[in-house]
Amino acid sequence: MIDIHLKPFKKKFQIKQTNKNMLLTYNQQLLMAKNQDIEEKEFVEQIELARATVSGTEEYLKTILKLTDKQQETLDDLEQDETIDLANYVMMRLMGMSDADIKKSQEADEDDSGEE
């Protein structure tokens, strides 16, 4: 069982690394990975992928976190980048990363993007 505190909800969630939750996590990662080369797609396909990512990410969080109706409203009111960041954080925690590991990874990503 993993304890995850999520600021937008002002709440700590307990999430189990069940087969179901891990499968949902892998499916969400796959969906997000398909968007990495979105610029190479036709315009209509770009829109479809973006729409699928937004709805898939919201559904992932609603299911994994077992959100209440009020919490779902909070999720709906987040900006897209916040929602993606939230999902990435939950996925990394479910994949076994600690908060310290995540922070190191984010710092490394920032360093890499600064070198370009």
N, C-alpha and C. Protein backbone atom coordinates (compact mmCIF):
# COMPACT_ATOMS: atom_id res chain seq x y z
N MET A 1 0.85 -1.18 0.00
CA MET A 1 0.00 0.00 0.00
C MET A 1 0.90 1.24 0.00
N ILE A 2 0.58 2.17 -0.86
CA ILE A 2 1.36 3.39 -0.99
C ILE A 2 0.49 4.56 -0.53
N ASP A 3 1.05 5.40 0.33
CA ASP A 3 0.39 6.64 0.75
C ASP A 3 0.86 7.76 -0.16
N ILE A 4 -0.09 8.44 -0.80
CA ILE A 4 0.23 9.53 -1.71
C ILE A 4 -0.60 10.74 -1.30
N HIS A 5 0.10 11.85 -0.98
CA HIS A 5 -0.62 13.09 -0.67
C HIS A 5 -0.70 13.92 -1.95
N LEU A 6 -1.92 14.29 -2.32
CA LEU A 6 -2.12 15.07 -3.55
C LEU A 6 -2.71 16.43 -3.19
N LYS A 7 -1.93 17.47 -3.43
CA LYS A 7 -2.30 18.83 -3.03
C LYS A 7 -3.64 19.31 -3.59
N PRO A 8 -3.94 19.06 -4.87
CA PRO A 8 -5.21 19.58 -5.38
C PRO A 8 -6.43 19.09 -4.60
N PHE A 9 -6.31 17.90 -4.02
CA PHE A 9 -7.44 17.33 -3.27
C PHE A 9 -7.30 17.54 -1.77
N LYS A 10 -6.12 18.07 -1.36
CA LYS A 10 -5.84 18.28 0.07
C LYS A 10 -6.12 17.01 0.86
N LYS A 11 -5.61 15.90 0.33
CA LYS A 11 -5.93 14.60 0.91
C LYS A 11 -4.81 13.60 0.63
N LYS A 12 -4.68 12.66 1.54
CA LYS A 12 -3.75 11.55 1.33
C LYS A 12 -4.56 10.35 0.84
N PHE A 13 -4.09 9.73 -0.22
CA PHE A 13 -4.73 8.55 -0.78
C PHE A 13 -3.87 7.34 -0.49
N GLN A 14 -4.51 6.21 -0.27
CA GLN A 14 -3.80 4.95 -0.13
C GLN A 14 -4.12 4.11 -1.36
N ILE A 15 -3.07 3.74 -2.08
CA ILE A 15 -3.25 3.01 -3.33
C ILE A 15 -2.47 1.70 -3.24
N LYS A 16 -3.14 0.62 -3.60
CA LYS A 16 -2.48 -0.68 -3.62
C LYS A 16 -1.89 -0.93 -5.01
N GLN A 17 -0.78 -1.64 -5.03
CA GLN A 17 -0.15 -2.01 -6.29
C GLN A 17 -0.75 -3.33 -6.78
N THR A 18 -2.06 -3.34 -6.95
CA THR A 18 -2.74 -4.54 -7.42
C THR A 18 -2.47 -4.74 -8.91
N ASN A 19 -2.73 -5.94 -9.38
CA ASN A 19 -2.59 -6.20 -10.82
C ASN A 19 -3.47 -5.25 -11.62
N LYS A 20 -4.69 -5.02 -11.15
CA LYS A 20 -5.61 -4.11 -11.85
C LYS A 20 -5.03 -2.70 -11.93
N ASN A 21 -4.54 -2.19 -10.81
CA ASN A 21 -3.98 -0.83 -10.80
C ASN A 21 -2.72 -0.73 -11.64
N MET A 22 -1.90 -1.77 -11.63
CA MET A 22 -0.68 -1.74 -12.43
C MET A 22 -1.01 -1.82 -13.92
N LEU A 23 -2.00 -2.62 -14.29
CA LEU A 23 -2.43 -2.69 -15.68
C LEU A 23 -2.98 -1.34 -16.14
N LEU A 24 -3.78 -0.70 -15.31
CA LEU A 24 -4.28 0.64 -15.63
C LEU A 24 -3.11 1.62 -15.82
N THR A 25 -2.11 1.48 -14.97
CA THR A 25 -0.94 2.37 -15.04
C THR A 25 -0.17 2.14 -16.33
N TYR A 26 0.08 0.88 -16.69
CA TYR A 26 0.79 0.59 -17.94
C TYR A 26 -0.01 1.08 -19.15
N ASN A 27 -1.32 0.89 -19.13
CA ASN A 27 -2.16 1.37 -20.23
C ASN A 27 -2.10 2.88 -20.36
N GLN A 28 -2.10 3.58 -19.23
CA GLN A 28 -2.01 5.04 -19.25
C GLN A 28 -0.65 5.49 -19.77
N GLN A 29 0.41 4.82 -19.35
CA GLN A 29 1.74 5.16 -19.85
C GLN A 29 1.82 4.96 -21.36
N LEU A 30 1.22 3.89 -21.85
CA LEU A 30 1.21 3.62 -23.28
C LEU A 30 0.45 4.71 -24.03
N LEU A 31 -0.69 5.11 -23.50
CA LEU A 31 -1.48 6.17 -24.12
C LEU A 31 -0.67 7.47 -24.19
N MET A 32 0.01 7.80 -23.11
CA MET A 32 0.79 9.03 -23.08
C MET A 32 2.01 8.93 -24.01
N ALA A 33 2.60 7.76 -24.10
CA ALA A 33 3.76 7.57 -24.97
C ALA A 33 3.38 7.76 -26.44
N LYS A 34 2.17 7.38 -26.79
CA LYS A 34 1.71 7.53 -28.18
C LYS A 34 1.64 9.00 -28.58
N ASN A 35 1.55 9.89 -27.62
CA ASN A 35 1.47 11.32 -27.90
C ASN A 35 2.84 11.97 -28.05
N GLN A 36 3.91 11.23 -27.84
CA GLN A 36 5.24 11.80 -27.92
C GLN A 36 5.58 12.29 -29.33
N ASP A 37 5.05 11.62 -30.34
CA ASP A 37 5.34 12.02 -31.72
C ASP A 37 4.09 12.57 -32.40
N ILE A 38 3.31 13.30 -31.65
CA ILE A 38 2.01 13.78 -32.15
C ILE A 38 2.18 14.75 -33.33
N GLU A 39 3.29 15.49 -33.38
CA GLU A 39 3.48 16.46 -34.46
C GLU A 39 3.56 15.79 -35.83
N GLU A 40 3.93 14.52 -35.84
CA GLU A 40 4.07 13.79 -37.10
C GLU A 40 2.73 13.29 -37.63
N LYS A 41 1.68 13.43 -36.86
CA LYS A 41 0.36 12.92 -37.23
C LYS A 41 -0.42 13.97 -38.03
N GLU A 42 -1.44 13.49 -38.73
CA GLU A 42 -2.36 14.40 -39.41
C GLU A 42 -3.13 15.19 -38.35
N PHE A 43 -3.64 16.36 -38.73
CA PHE A 43 -4.28 17.26 -37.77
C PHE A 43 -5.44 16.59 -37.03
N VAL A 44 -6.31 15.90 -37.75
CA VAL A 44 -7.46 15.25 -37.11
C VAL A 44 -6.98 14.19 -36.12
N GLU A 45 -5.96 13.45 -36.49
CA GLU A 45 -5.42 12.43 -35.60
C GLU A 45 -4.78 13.07 -34.36
N GLN A 46 -4.17 14.24 -34.53
CA GLN A 46 -3.62 14.97 -33.38
C GLN A 46 -4.72 15.31 -32.38
N ILE A 47 -5.84 15.80 -32.90
CA ILE A 47 -6.97 16.17 -32.03
C ILE A 47 -7.52 14.93 -31.33
N GLU A 48 -7.66 13.84 -32.08
CA GLU A 48 -8.19 12.60 -31.49
C GLU A 48 -7.27 12.08 -30.39
N LEU A 49 -5.96 12.10 -30.63
CA LEU A 49 -5.00 11.65 -29.62
C LEU A 49 -5.03 12.54 -28.39
N ALA A 50 -5.09 13.85 -28.61
CA ALA A 50 -5.14 14.78 -27.48
C ALA A 50 -6.40 14.57 -26.65
N ARG A 51 -7.52 14.40 -27.33
CA ARG A 51 -8.79 14.16 -26.63
C ARG A 51 -8.74 12.84 -25.85
N ALA A 52 -8.20 11.81 -26.47
CA ALA A 52 -8.10 10.51 -25.80
C ALA A 52 -7.18 10.59 -24.59
N THR A 53 -6.13 11.39 -24.70
CA THR A 53 -5.20 11.53 -23.58
C THR A 53 -5.85 12.25 -22.41
N VAL A 54 -6.56 13.33 -22.69
CA VAL A 54 -7.23 14.07 -21.61
C VAL A 54 -8.27 13.20 -20.93
N SER A 55 -9.14 12.58 -21.72
CA SER A 55 -10.20 11.77 -21.11
C SER A 55 -9.61 10.52 -20.44
N GLY A 56 -8.60 9.92 -21.05
CA GLY A 56 -7.96 8.74 -20.47
C GLY A 56 -7.25 9.06 -19.17
N THR A 57 -6.60 10.21 -19.12
CA THR A 57 -5.89 10.61 -17.91
C THR A 57 -6.86 10.88 -16.77
N GLU A 58 -7.95 11.58 -17.08
CA GLU A 58 -8.96 11.83 -16.05
C GLU A 58 -9.57 10.52 -15.56
N GLU A 59 -9.87 9.63 -16.47
CA GLU A 59 -10.47 8.34 -16.09
C GLU A 59 -9.49 7.52 -15.26
N TYR A 60 -8.22 7.55 -15.64
CA TYR A 60 -7.18 6.85 -14.88
C TYR A 60 -7.16 7.34 -13.43
N LEU A 61 -7.10 8.65 -13.25
CA LEU A 61 -7.04 9.21 -11.90
C LEU A 61 -8.31 8.92 -11.11
N LYS A 62 -9.46 9.06 -11.77
CA LYS A 62 -10.73 8.78 -11.08
C LYS A 62 -10.79 7.34 -10.58
N THR A 63 -10.30 6.42 -11.40
CA THR A 63 -10.35 5.00 -11.05
C THR A 63 -9.31 4.63 -10.00
N ILE A 64 -8.06 5.01 -10.24
CA ILE A 64 -6.96 4.67 -9.33
C ILE A 64 -7.18 5.27 -7.94
N LEU A 65 -7.62 6.53 -7.92
CA LEU A 65 -7.77 7.23 -6.64
C LEU A 65 -9.15 7.03 -6.01
N LYS A 66 -10.07 6.42 -6.78
CA LYS A 66 -11.45 6.23 -6.30
C LYS A 66 -12.04 7.56 -5.84
N LEU A 67 -12.02 8.53 -6.75
CA LEU A 67 -12.45 9.88 -6.43
C LEU A 67 -13.95 9.97 -6.18
N THR A 68 -14.31 10.81 -5.23
CA THR A 68 -15.71 11.12 -4.98
C THR A 68 -16.18 12.09 -6.06
N ASP A 69 -17.48 12.35 -6.10
CA ASP A 69 -18.01 13.31 -7.07
C ASP A 69 -17.37 14.69 -6.89
N LYS A 70 -17.22 15.12 -5.65
CA LYS A 70 -16.61 16.43 -5.37
C LYS A 70 -15.15 16.45 -5.82
N GLN A 71 -14.43 15.37 -5.57
CA GLN A 71 -13.03 15.29 -6.01
C GLN A 71 -12.93 15.24 -7.53
N GLN A 72 -13.90 14.61 -8.18
CA GLN A 72 -13.91 14.59 -9.64
C GLN A 72 -14.12 15.99 -10.19
N GLU A 73 -14.94 16.79 -9.51
CA GLU A 73 -15.12 18.19 -9.92
C GLU A 73 -13.81 18.95 -9.79
N THR A 74 -13.09 18.70 -8.70
CA THR A 74 -11.79 19.34 -8.52
C THR A 74 -10.85 18.95 -9.66
N LEU A 75 -10.84 17.68 -10.01
CA LEU A 75 -10.01 17.21 -11.12
C LEU A 75 -10.42 17.88 -12.43
N ASP A 76 -11.70 17.98 -12.68
CA ASP A 76 -12.19 18.61 -13.91
C ASP A 76 -11.78 20.07 -14.01
N ASP A 77 -11.59 20.72 -12.86
CA ASP A 77 -11.24 22.14 -12.84
C ASP A 77 -9.74 22.41 -12.93
N LEU A 78 -8.92 21.35 -12.90
CA LEU A 78 -7.48 21.54 -13.04
C LEU A 78 -7.13 21.85 -14.49
N GLU A 79 -6.01 22.53 -14.68
CA GLU A 79 -5.51 22.76 -16.03
C GLU A 79 -4.93 21.45 -16.56
N GLN A 80 -4.86 21.34 -17.86
CA GLN A 80 -4.40 20.09 -18.49
C GLN A 80 -3.01 19.69 -18.01
N ASP A 81 -2.08 20.64 -17.95
CA ASP A 81 -0.72 20.32 -17.50
C ASP A 81 -0.71 19.82 -16.07
N GLU A 82 -1.55 20.41 -15.21
CA GLU A 82 -1.63 19.96 -13.82
C GLU A 82 -2.14 18.53 -13.75
N THR A 83 -3.12 18.22 -14.58
CA THR A 83 -3.68 16.87 -14.59
C THR A 83 -2.65 15.85 -15.05
N ILE A 84 -1.91 16.18 -16.09
CA ILE A 84 -0.86 15.30 -16.60
C ILE A 84 0.23 15.10 -15.53
N ASP A 85 0.64 16.20 -14.89
CA ASP A 85 1.65 16.10 -13.83
C ASP A 85 1.17 15.22 -12.68
N LEU A 86 -0.08 15.37 -12.33
CA LEU A 86 -0.68 14.58 -11.25
C LEU A 86 -0.66 13.10 -11.61
N ALA A 87 -1.08 12.79 -12.83
CA ALA A 87 -1.10 11.39 -13.29
C ALA A 87 0.32 10.82 -13.33
N ASN A 88 1.27 11.61 -13.84
CA ASN A 88 2.66 11.15 -13.88
C ASN A 88 3.18 10.84 -12.49
N TYR A 89 2.85 11.71 -11.53
CA TYR A 89 3.29 11.50 -10.15
C TYR A 89 2.71 10.20 -9.59
N VAL A 90 1.41 10.00 -9.78
CA VAL A 90 0.76 8.79 -9.29
C VAL A 90 1.39 7.56 -9.94
N MET A 91 1.63 7.62 -11.26
CA MET A 91 2.23 6.48 -11.95
C MET A 91 3.63 6.18 -11.44
N MET A 92 4.43 7.23 -11.23
CA MET A 92 5.78 7.01 -10.74
C MET A 92 5.77 6.39 -9.34
N ARG A 93 4.86 6.85 -8.50
CA ARG A 93 4.76 6.27 -7.16
C ARG A 93 4.33 4.81 -7.23
N LEU A 94 3.37 4.49 -8.09
CA LEU A 94 2.93 3.11 -8.24
C LEU A 94 4.03 2.22 -8.82
N MET A 95 4.92 2.81 -9.60
CA MET A 95 6.03 2.05 -10.18
C MET A 95 7.17 1.88 -9.18
N GLY A 96 6.97 2.38 -7.96
CA GLY A 96 7.94 2.14 -6.90
C GLY A 96 8.88 3.29 -6.59
N MET A 97 8.72 4.41 -7.26
CA MET A 97 9.60 5.55 -6.98
C MET A 97 9.15 6.27 -5.71
N SER A 98 10.12 6.71 -4.93
CA SER A 98 9.83 7.52 -3.75
C SER A 98 9.74 8.98 -4.17
N ASP A 99 9.28 9.83 -3.26
CA ASP A 99 9.25 11.26 -3.57
C ASP A 99 10.65 11.79 -3.87
N ALA A 100 11.65 11.29 -3.14
CA ALA A 100 13.04 11.70 -3.38
C ALA A 100 13.50 11.26 -4.78
N ASP A 101 13.15 10.04 -5.18
CA ASP A 101 13.50 9.55 -6.52
C ASP A 101 12.85 10.42 -7.60
N ILE A 102 11.60 10.77 -7.38
CA ILE A 102 10.87 11.59 -8.35
C ILE A 102 11.51 12.96 -8.47
N LYS A 103 11.87 13.55 -7.34
CA LYS A 103 12.51 14.87 -7.35
C LYS A 103 13.83 14.82 -8.11
N LYS A 104 14.64 13.78 -7.87
CA LYS A 104 15.91 13.63 -8.59
C LYS A 104 15.68 13.49 -10.08
N SER A 105 14.67 12.71 -10.45
CA SER A 105 14.34 12.50 -11.86
C SER A 105 13.92 13.81 -12.52
N GLN A 106 13.10 14.59 -11.83
CA GLN A 106 12.64 15.87 -12.37
C GLN A 106 13.80 16.85 -12.51
N GLU A 107 14.70 16.86 -11.52
CA GLU A 107 15.87 17.74 -11.59
C GLU A 107 16.77 17.34 -12.76
N ALA A 108 16.93 16.04 -12.97
CA ALA A 108 17.74 15.57 -14.10
C ALA A 108 17.10 15.96 -15.43
N ASP A 109 15.76 15.85 -15.51
CA ASP A 109 15.06 16.26 -16.73
C ASP A 109 15.24 17.75 -16.99
N GLU A 110 15.18 18.56 -15.92
CA GLU A 110 15.37 20.00 -16.07
C GLU A 110 16.80 20.31 -16.53
N ASP A 111 17.77 19.59 -15.97
CA ASP A 111 19.16 19.78 -16.38
C ASP A 111 19.34 19.41 -17.85
N ASP A 112 18.74 18.30 -18.28
CA ASP A 112 18.84 17.86 -19.67
C ASP A 112 18.21 18.86 -20.61
N SER A 113 17.06 19.41 -20.24
CA SER A 113 16.37 20.35 -21.13
C SER A 113 17.11 21.68 -21.17
N GLY A 114 17.87 22.00 -20.14
CA GLY A 114 18.64 23.24 -20.12
C GLY A 114 19.87 23.19 -20.98
N GLU A 115 20.33 21.99 -21.30
CA GLU A 115 21.54 21.82 -22.10
C GLU A 115 21.28 21.99 -23.59
N GLU A 116 20.03 21.90 -24.00
CA GLU A 116 19.72 21.93 -25.44
C GLU A 116 19.84 23.31 -26.02
